[in-house]
Amino acid sequence: MKYGKIVPGKLIRRVNRFMAEVFVNGTKEIVHIKNTGRLQELLQPGVEILLEYKSNPSRKTQFSLISVIKNDRWVNIDSQAPNTVVYEALQDGKMLEFGYVNEVKREVKYGNSRFDLSFKKDDQQCFIEVKGVTLEQNGVAMFPDAPTKRGTKHVLELVNAVQNGFDGVILFVVQMEGCMFFTPHKEMDWEFADALKFATSNGVKILAYDSIVNEDELILKGPIPVQL
């Protein structure tokens, strides 16, 4: 996926979950953070950042924080981006596990649930839950970076769908390049980690892909190992 106009900046401080104070071209600005996660290891004062600029008089700020430098590589923190890059990759037949599929849709209702994506292949419908991963420790990608009852609920809803004849996939999009493997962050949320194990033992596929992060785009790269 491609962004519009990108502007470099430097983080001063995170004001709250949604806003940050930054320097842009020597001017102090308040910007929107496109991620409400903790991001404690990323949003450090003085770190280099990338901002997307959009001229919209109805917005409080014209800038959105989308990427952060960590250990000399960009980490995309846009929480909306993973769904988009997976959607585009499915449409283009670029996901090795699935190849070319039909009827790719976003935000698909199933019972009282709503899954991020769905597609059909050989008349079999598959639901996908996409989780963006921004946390990396010693070369290992981890999720979540904060307790997520909502994430656990999504996993169990997908198990229910598989038990009723659908295919189900949980896809972790690592929003950086070069991690050795993905694993759930058990110390942060053991219930989510246990839910993943329960899901995989009940027919849900657990996948992880890393990404190429350029200044103005995020590209789904390829699968990395998953260790539950």
C-alpha atoms as a PDB file:
ATOM      1  CA  MET A   1       0.000   0.000   0.000  1.00  0.00           C
ATOM      2  CA  LYS A   2       1.139   3.515  -0.836  1.00  0.00           C
ATOM      3  CA  TYR A   3       0.819   6.624   1.268  1.00  0.00           C
ATOM      4  CA  GLY A   4       0.371  10.158   0.034  1.00  0.00           C
ATOM      5  CA  LYS A   5       2.754  12.967   0.929  1.00  0.00           C
ATOM      6  CA  ILE A   6       5.320  11.872   3.532  1.00  0.00           C
ATOM      7  CA  VAL A   7       7.193  14.310   5.772  1.00  0.00           C
ATOM      8  CA  PRO A   8      10.075  13.434   8.151  1.00  0.00           C
ATOM      9  CA  GLY A   9      10.029  14.615  11.737  1.00  0.00           C
ATOM     10  CA  LYS A  10      11.321  14.031  15.249  1.00  0.00           C
ATOM     11  CA  LEU A  11       9.240  12.961  18.240  1.00  0.00           C
ATOM     12  CA  ILE A  12       9.153  15.270  21.258  1.00  0.00           C
ATOM     13  CA  ARG A  13       6.693  13.298  23.382  1.00  0.00           C
ATOM     14  CA  ARG A  14       3.513  11.258  23.260  1.00  0.00           C
ATOM     15  CA  VAL A  15       0.709  13.403  24.660  1.00  0.00           C
ATOM     16  CA  ASN A  16      -1.902  10.631  24.978  1.00  0.00           C
ATOM     17  CA  ARG A  17      -3.048   7.480  23.148  1.00  0.00           C
ATOM     18  CA  PHE A  18      -4.046   9.460  20.076  1.00  0.00           C
ATOM     19  CA  MET A  19      -1.746  12.479  19.861  1.00  0.00           C
ATOM     20  CA  ALA A  20       1.979  13.289  19.910  1.00  0.00           C
ATOM     21  CA  GLU A  21       4.081  16.434  19.930  1.00  0.00           C
ATOM     22  CA  VAL A  22       6.756  16.481  17.208  1.00  0.00           C
ATOM     23  CA  PHE A  23       9.148  18.741  15.337  1.00  0.00           C
ATOM     24  CA  VAL A  24       8.424  19.104  11.598  1.00  0.00           C
ATOM     25  CA  ASN A  25      10.816  21.319   9.635  1.00  0.00           C
ATOM     26  CA  GLY A  26      11.815  23.011  12.878  1.00  0.00           C
ATOM     27  CA  THR A  27       8.213  23.733  13.877  1.00  0.00           C
ATOM     28  CA  LYS A  28       6.452  22.138  16.826  1.00  0.00           C
ATOM     29  CA  GLU A  29       3.272  20.316  15.747  1.00  0.00           C
ATOM     30  CA  ILE A  30       0.591  18.163  17.361  1.00  0.00           C
ATOM     31  CA  VAL A  31       0.013  15.038  15.232  1.00  0.00           C
ATOM     32  CA  HIS A  32      -2.355  12.072  15.209  1.00  0.00           C
ATOM     33  CA  ILE A  33      -0.935   8.648  16.128  1.00  0.00           C
ATOM     34  CA  LYS A  34      -2.413   5.940  13.886  1.00  0.00           C
ATOM     35  CA  ASN A  35      -2.125   3.339  16.639  1.00  0.00           C
ATOM     36  CA  THR A  36      -3.552   3.264  20.177  1.00  0.00           C
ATOM     37  CA  GLY A  37      -1.206   0.513  21.434  1.00  0.00           C
ATOM     38  CA  ARG A  38       1.447   1.149  24.069  1.00  0.00           C
ATOM     39  CA  LEU A  39       4.404   1.368  21.632  1.00  0.00           C
ATOM     40  CA  GLN A  40       6.657   2.108  24.607  1.00  0.00           C
ATOM     41  CA  GLU A  41       9.824   0.790  22.975  1.00  0.00           C
ATOM     42  CA  LEU A  42       9.164   2.837  19.816  1.00  0.00           C
ATOM     43  CA  LEU A  43       7.781   6.236  20.818  1.00  0.00           C
ATOM     44  CA  GLN A  44      10.879   7.476  22.620  1.00  0.00           C
ATOM     45  CA  PRO A  45      11.682  11.219  22.777  1.00  0.00           C
ATOM     46  CA  GLY A  46      14.016  12.271  19.979  1.00  0.00           C
ATOM     47  CA  VAL A  47      13.316   9.314  17.689  1.00  0.00           C
ATOM     48  CA  GLU A  48      13.069   9.905  13.933  1.00  0.00           C
ATOM     49  CA  ILE A  49       9.553   9.505  12.562  1.00  0.00           C
ATOM     50  CA  LEU A  50       7.593   9.671   9.326  1.00  0.00           C
ATOM     51  CA  LEU A  51       4.324  11.564   9.018  1.00  0.00           C
ATOM     52  CA  GLU A  52       1.625  11.429   6.372  1.00  0.00           C
ATOM     53  CA  TYR A  53       0.370  14.896   5.437  1.00  0.00           C
ATOM     54  CA  LYS A  54      -3.229  15.434   4.402  1.00  0.00           C
ATOM     55  CA  SER A  55      -4.764  18.856   3.936  1.00  0.00           C
ATOM     56  CA  ASN A  56      -8.176  18.642   5.580  1.00  0.00           C
ATOM     57  CA  PRO A  57      -9.600  21.737   7.338  1.00  0.00           C
ATOM     58  CA  SER A  58     -11.998  19.590   9.395  1.00  0.00           C
ATOM     59  CA  ARG A  59      -9.135  17.705  11.097  1.00  0.00           C
ATOM     60  CA  LYS A  60      -7.442  18.916  14.263  1.00  0.00           C
ATOM     61  CA  THR A  61      -4.065  18.115  12.703  1.00  0.00           C
ATOM     62  CA  GLN A  62      -2.884  17.677   9.147  1.00  0.00           C
ATOM     63  CA  PHE A  63      -0.258  15.079  10.119  1.00  0.00           C
ATOM     64  CA  SER A  64      -0.514  11.377  11.058  1.00  0.00           C
ATOM     65  CA  LEU A  65       2.423   9.470  12.557  1.00  0.00           C
ATOM     66  CA  ILE A  66       2.920   6.277  10.527  1.00  0.00           C
ATOM     67  CA  SER A  67       6.505   5.035  11.039  1.00  0.00           C
ATOM     68  CA  VAL A  68       9.328   5.135  13.595  1.00  0.00           C
ATOM     69  CA  ILE A  69      13.033   4.317  13.369  1.00  0.00           C
ATOM     70  CA  LYS A  70      14.250   1.486  15.610  1.00  0.00           C
ATOM     71  CA  ASN A  71      17.753   0.027  15.290  1.00  0.00           C
ATOM     72  CA  ASP A  72      18.275   1.693  11.897  1.00  0.00           C
ATOM     73  CA  ARG A  73      15.108   0.293  10.304  1.00  0.00           C
ATOM     74  CA  TRP A  74      11.643   1.681   9.857  1.00  0.00           C
ATOM     75  CA  VAL A  75       8.762   0.170  11.816  1.00  0.00           C
ATOM     76  CA  ASN A  76       5.306   0.958  10.451  1.00  0.00           C
ATOM     77  CA  ILE A  77       2.857   1.651  13.315  1.00  0.00           C
ATOM     78  CA  ASP A  78      -0.258   2.393  11.259  1.00  0.00           C
ATOM     79  CA  SER A  79      -2.874   0.026  12.753  1.00  0.00           C
ATOM     80  CA  GLN A  80      -5.029   0.270   9.602  1.00  0.00           C
ATOM     81  CA  ALA A  81      -2.232  -0.716   7.228  1.00  0.00           C
ATOM     82  CA  PRO A  82      -2.061  -4.512   7.881  1.00  0.00           C
ATOM     83  CA  ASN A  83      -5.656  -5.101   6.736  1.00  0.00           C
ATOM     84  CA  THR A  84      -5.026  -3.095   3.585  1.00  0.00           C
ATOM     85  CA  VAL A  85      -1.786  -4.836   2.579  1.00  0.00           C
ATOM     86  CA  VAL A  86      -3.323  -8.291   3.126  1.00  0.00           C
ATOM     87  CA  TYR A  87      -6.430  -7.296   1.159  1.00  0.00           C
ATOM     88  CA  GLU A  88      -4.265  -6.086  -1.743  1.00  0.00           C
ATOM     89  CA  ALA A  89      -2.050  -9.202  -1.630  1.00  0.00           C
ATOM     90  CA  LEU A  90      -5.070 -11.523  -1.698  1.00  0.00           C
ATOM     91  CA  GLN A  91      -6.565  -9.683  -4.653  1.00  0.00           C
ATOM     92  CA  ASP A  92      -3.273  -9.924  -6.534  1.00  0.00           C
ATOM     93  CA  GLY A  93      -2.700 -13.609  -5.704  1.00  0.00           C
ATOM     94  CA  LYS A  94       0.552 -12.829  -3.891  1.00  0.00           C
ATOM     95  CA  MET A  95       0.013 -14.869  -0.730  1.00  0.00           C
ATOM     96  CA  LEU A  96       1.829 -18.188  -1.109  1.00  0.00           C
ATOM     97  CA  GLU A  97      -0.567 -20.142   1.126  1.00  0.00           C
ATOM     98  CA  PHE A  98      -3.644 -19.196  -0.892  1.00  0.00           C
ATOM     99  CA  GLY A  99      -2.645 -18.288  -4.446  1.00  0.00           C
ATOM    100  CA  TYR A 100      -5.462 -16.797  -6.523  1.00  0.00           C
ATOM    101  CA  VAL A 101      -8.772 -16.535  -4.706  1.00  0.00           C
ATOM    102  CA  ASN A 102     -12.223 -15.120  -5.398  1.00  0.00           C
ATOM    103  CA  GLU A 103     -14.624 -12.687  -3.765  1.00  0.00           C
ATOM    104  CA  VAL A 104     -12.130 -10.963  -1.477  1.00  0.00           C
ATOM    105  CA  LYS A 105     -14.096  -8.790   0.947  1.00  0.00           C
ATOM    106  CA  ARG A 106     -13.412  -6.618   3.986  1.00  0.00           C
ATOM    107  CA  GLU A 107     -15.308  -6.384   7.285  1.00  0.00           C
ATOM    108  CA  VAL A 108     -17.457  -9.486   6.773  1.00  0.00           C
ATOM    109  CA  LYS A 109     -20.256 -10.345   9.207  1.00  0.00           C
ATOM    110  CA  TYR A 110     -20.657 -13.862  10.538  1.00  0.00           C
ATOM    111  CA  GLY A 111     -23.342 -14.359  13.168  1.00  0.00           C
ATOM    112  CA  ASN A 112     -22.655 -11.749  15.832  1.00  0.00           C
ATOM    113  CA  SER A 113     -19.050 -11.435  14.709  1.00  0.00           C
ATOM    114  CA  ARG A 114     -17.264  -9.356  12.114  1.00  0.00           C
ATOM    115  CA  PHE A 115     -14.031 -10.663  10.594  1.00  0.00           C
ATOM    116  CA  ASP A 116     -11.415  -8.475   8.918  1.00  0.00           C
ATOM    117  CA  LEU A 117     -11.374 -10.292   5.572  1.00  0.00           C
ATOM    118  CA  SER A 118     -12.925 -13.181   3.705  1.00  0.00           C
ATOM    119  CA  PHE A 119     -12.417 -14.914   0.376  1.00  0.00           C
ATOM    120  CA  LYS A 120     -13.578 -17.977  -1.508  1.00  0.00           C
ATOM    121  CA  LYS A 121     -11.477 -20.677  -3.114  1.00  0.00           C
ATOM    122  CA  ASP A 122     -12.983 -23.772  -4.700  1.00  0.00           C
ATOM    123  CA  ASP A 123     -16.358 -22.636  -3.282  1.00  0.00           C
ATOM    124  CA  GLN A 124     -14.990 -22.806   0.293  1.00  0.00           C
ATOM    125  CA  GLN A 125     -15.242 -19.592   2.279  1.00  0.00           C
ATOM    126  CA  CYS A 126     -12.377 -18.515   4.500  1.00  0.00           C
ATOM    127  CA  PHE A 127     -12.384 -15.840   7.199  1.00  0.00           C
ATOM    128  CA  ILE A 128      -9.193 -14.021   8.172  1.00  0.00           C
ATOM    129  CA  GLU A 129      -8.437 -12.058  11.308  1.00  0.00           C
ATOM    130  CA  VAL A 130      -5.456  -9.733  10.782  1.00  0.00           C
ATOM    131  CA  LYS A 131      -3.289  -8.529  13.663  1.00  0.00           C
ATOM    132  CA  GLY A 132      -0.603  -5.891  13.201  1.00  0.00           C
ATOM    133  CA  VAL A 133       2.661  -6.532  15.072  1.00  0.00           C
ATOM    134  CA  THR A 134       4.941  -3.652  16.060  1.00  0.00           C
ATOM    135  CA  LEU A 135       6.705  -5.236  19.045  1.00  0.00           C
ATOM    136  CA  GLU A 136      10.136  -6.798  18.506  1.00  0.00           C
ATOM    137  CA  GLN A 137      12.485  -8.169  21.166  1.00  0.00           C
ATOM    138  CA  ASN A 138      15.906  -9.581  20.262  1.00  0.00           C
ATOM    139  CA  GLY A 139      14.846 -10.281  16.691  1.00  0.00           C
ATOM    140  CA  VAL A 140      11.539 -11.931  17.662  1.00  0.00           C
ATOM    141  CA  ALA A 141       8.185 -10.447  16.666  1.00  0.00           C
ATOM    142  CA  MET A 142       5.589 -10.538  19.460  1.00  0.00           C
ATOM    143  CA  PHE A 143       1.902  -9.746  19.951  1.00  0.00           C
ATOM    144  CA  PRO A 144       0.261  -8.146  21.849  1.00  0.00           C
ATOM    145  CA  ASP A 145       2.105  -5.208  23.419  1.00  0.00           C
ATOM    146  CA  ALA A 146      -0.814  -4.723  25.842  1.00  0.00           C
ATOM    147  CA  PRO A 147      -3.524  -7.075  27.216  1.00  0.00           C
ATOM    148  CA  THR A 148      -6.225  -7.648  24.577  1.00  0.00           C
ATOM    149  CA  LYS A 149      -9.514  -9.192  25.615  1.00  0.00           C
ATOM    150  CA  ARG A 150     -10.871  -8.106  22.236  1.00  0.00           C
ATOM    151  CA  GLY A 151      -8.119 -10.061  20.460  1.00  0.00           C
ATOM    152  CA  THR A 152      -8.874 -13.197  22.479  1.00  0.00           C
ATOM    153  CA  LYS A 153     -12.573 -12.819  21.617  1.00  0.00           C
ATOM    154  CA  HIS A 154     -11.735 -12.639  17.901  1.00  0.00           C
ATOM    155  CA  VAL A 155      -9.676 -15.839  18.119  1.00  0.00           C
ATOM    156  CA  LEU A 156     -12.489 -17.770  19.808  1.00  0.00           C
ATOM    157  CA  GLU A 157     -15.068 -16.440  17.329  1.00  0.00           C
ATOM    158  CA  LEU A 158     -12.896 -17.761  14.501  1.00  0.00           C
ATOM    159  CA  VAL A 159     -12.748 -21.185  16.181  1.00  0.00           C
ATOM    160  CA  ASN A 160     -16.549 -21.181  16.193  1.00  0.00           C
ATOM    161  CA  ALA A 161     -16.650 -20.402  12.470  1.00  0.00           C
ATOM    162  CA  VAL A 162     -14.257 -23.272  11.680  1.00  0.00           C
ATOM    163  CA  GLN A 163     -16.336 -25.650  13.765  1.00  0.00           C
ATOM    164  CA  ASN A 164     -19.283 -24.659  11.570  1.00  0.00           C
ATOM    165  CA  GLY A 165     -17.582 -25.573   8.310  1.00  0.00           C
ATOM    166  CA  PHE A 166     -15.637 -22.457   7.305  1.00  0.00           C
ATOM    167  CA  ASP A 167     -11.877 -22.084   6.949  1.00  0.00           C
ATOM    168  CA  GLY A 168     -10.217 -19.719   9.406  1.00  0.00           C
ATOM    169  CA  VAL A 169      -6.860 -17.946   9.494  1.00  0.00           C
ATOM    170  CA  ILE A 170      -5.237 -15.635  12.012  1.00  0.00           C
ATOM    171  CA  LEU A 171      -2.582 -13.644  10.185  1.00  0.00           C
ATOM    172  CA  PHE A 172      -0.003 -11.614  12.073  1.00  0.00           C
ATOM    173  CA  VAL A 173       1.471  -8.881   9.899  1.00  0.00           C
ATOM    174  CA  VAL A 174       4.858  -7.925  11.326  1.00  0.00           C
ATOM    175  CA  GLN A 175       5.180  -4.259  10.414  1.00  0.00           C
ATOM    176  CA  MET A 176       8.941  -4.413   9.935  1.00  0.00           C
ATOM    177  CA  GLU A 177      11.475  -6.550   8.092  1.00  0.00           C
ATOM    178  CA  GLY A 178      13.980  -9.068   9.390  1.00  0.00           C
ATOM    179  CA  CYS A 179      12.435 -10.774  12.432  1.00  0.00           C
ATOM    180  CA  MET A 180      13.470 -14.421  12.896  1.00  0.00           C
ATOM    181  CA  PHE A 181      10.029 -15.696  13.911  1.00  0.00           C
ATOM    182  CA  PHE A 182       6.734 -14.708  15.541  1.00  0.00           C
ATOM    183  CA  THR A 183       5.495 -15.807  18.960  1.00  0.00           C
ATOM    184  CA  PRO A 184       2.659 -14.637  21.220  1.00  0.00           C
ATOM    185  CA  HIS A 185       3.726 -12.357  24.074  1.00  0.00           C
ATOM    186  CA  LYS A 186       2.723 -14.729  26.860  1.00  0.00           C
ATOM    187  CA  GLU A 187       4.064 -12.535  29.664  1.00  0.00           C
ATOM    188  CA  MET A 188       1.800  -9.704  28.517  1.00  0.00           C
ATOM    189  CA  ASP A 189      -1.385 -11.741  27.872  1.00  0.00           C
ATOM    190  CA  TRP A 190      -1.363 -15.483  28.630  1.00  0.00           C
ATOM    191  CA  GLU A 191      -5.089 -15.767  27.823  1.00  0.00           C
ATOM    192  CA  PHE A 192      -4.450 -14.640  24.255  1.00  0.00           C
ATOM    193  CA  ALA A 193      -1.518 -17.065  23.933  1.00  0.00           C
ATOM    194  CA  ASP A 194      -3.667 -19.927  25.238  1.00  0.00           C
ATOM    195  CA  ALA A 195      -6.463 -18.970  22.837  1.00  0.00           C
ATOM    196  CA  LEU A 196      -4.028 -19.249  19.914  1.00  0.00           C
ATOM    197  CA  LYS A 197      -3.012 -22.766  20.986  1.00  0.00           C
ATOM    198  CA  PHE A 198      -6.678 -23.715  21.351  1.00  0.00           C
ATOM    199  CA  ALA A 199      -7.407 -22.293  17.902  1.00  0.00           C
ATOM    200  CA  THR A 200      -4.624 -24.145  16.123  1.00  0.00           C
ATOM    201  CA  SER A 201      -5.698 -27.424  17.745  1.00  0.00           C
ATOM    202  CA  ASN A 202      -9.199 -26.785  16.408  1.00  0.00           C
ATOM    203  CA  GLY A 203      -8.373 -26.194  12.766  1.00  0.00           C
ATOM    204  CA  VAL A 204      -7.519 -22.496  12.654  1.00  0.00           C
ATOM    205  CA  LYS A 205      -4.335 -21.682  10.725  1.00  0.00           C
ATOM    206  CA  ILE A 206      -1.871 -19.311  12.390  1.00  0.00           C
ATOM    207  CA  LEU A 207       0.360 -17.424   9.960  1.00  0.00           C
ATOM    208  CA  ALA A 208       2.864 -14.585  10.216  1.00  0.00           C
ATOM    209  CA  TYR A 209       4.264 -12.417   7.417  1.00  0.00           C
ATOM    210  CA  ASP A 210       6.897  -9.738   7.677  1.00  0.00           C
ATOM    211  CA  SER A 211       6.879  -6.513   5.686  1.00  0.00           C
ATOM    212  CA  ILE A 212       9.088  -4.208   3.699  1.00  0.00           C
ATOM    213  CA  VAL A 213       8.704  -0.709   5.129  1.00  0.00           C
ATOM    214  CA  ASN A 214       9.700   2.106   2.803  1.00  0.00           C
ATOM    215  CA  GLU A 215       9.169   5.778   3.533  1.00  0.00           C
ATOM    216  CA  ASP A 216       5.932   5.964   1.549  1.00  0.00           C
ATOM    217  CA  GLU A 217       4.705   2.368   1.435  1.00  0.00           C
ATOM    218  CA  LEU A 218       4.194  -0.908   3.261  1.00  0.00           C
ATOM    219  CA  ILE A 219       4.681  -4.121   1.260  1.00  0.00           C
ATOM    220  CA  LEU A 220       3.741  -7.591   2.499  1.00  0.00           C
ATOM    221  CA  LYS A 221       6.954  -9.582   2.089  1.00  0.00           C
ATOM    222  CA  GLY A 222       6.626 -13.259   2.994  1.00  0.00           C
ATOM    223  CA  PRO A 223       5.938 -15.830   5.711  1.00  0.00           C
ATOM    224  CA  ILE A 224       8.104 -16.199   8.800  1.00  0.00           C
ATOM    225  CA  PRO A 225       7.975 -19.109  11.278  1.00  0.00           C
ATOM    226  CA  VAL A 226       5.378 -19.134  14.057  1.00  0.00           C
ATOM    227  CA  GLN A 227       6.239 -20.567  17.469  1.00  0.00           C
ATOM    228  CA  LEU A 228       3.318 -21.030  19.847  1.00  0.00           C
END
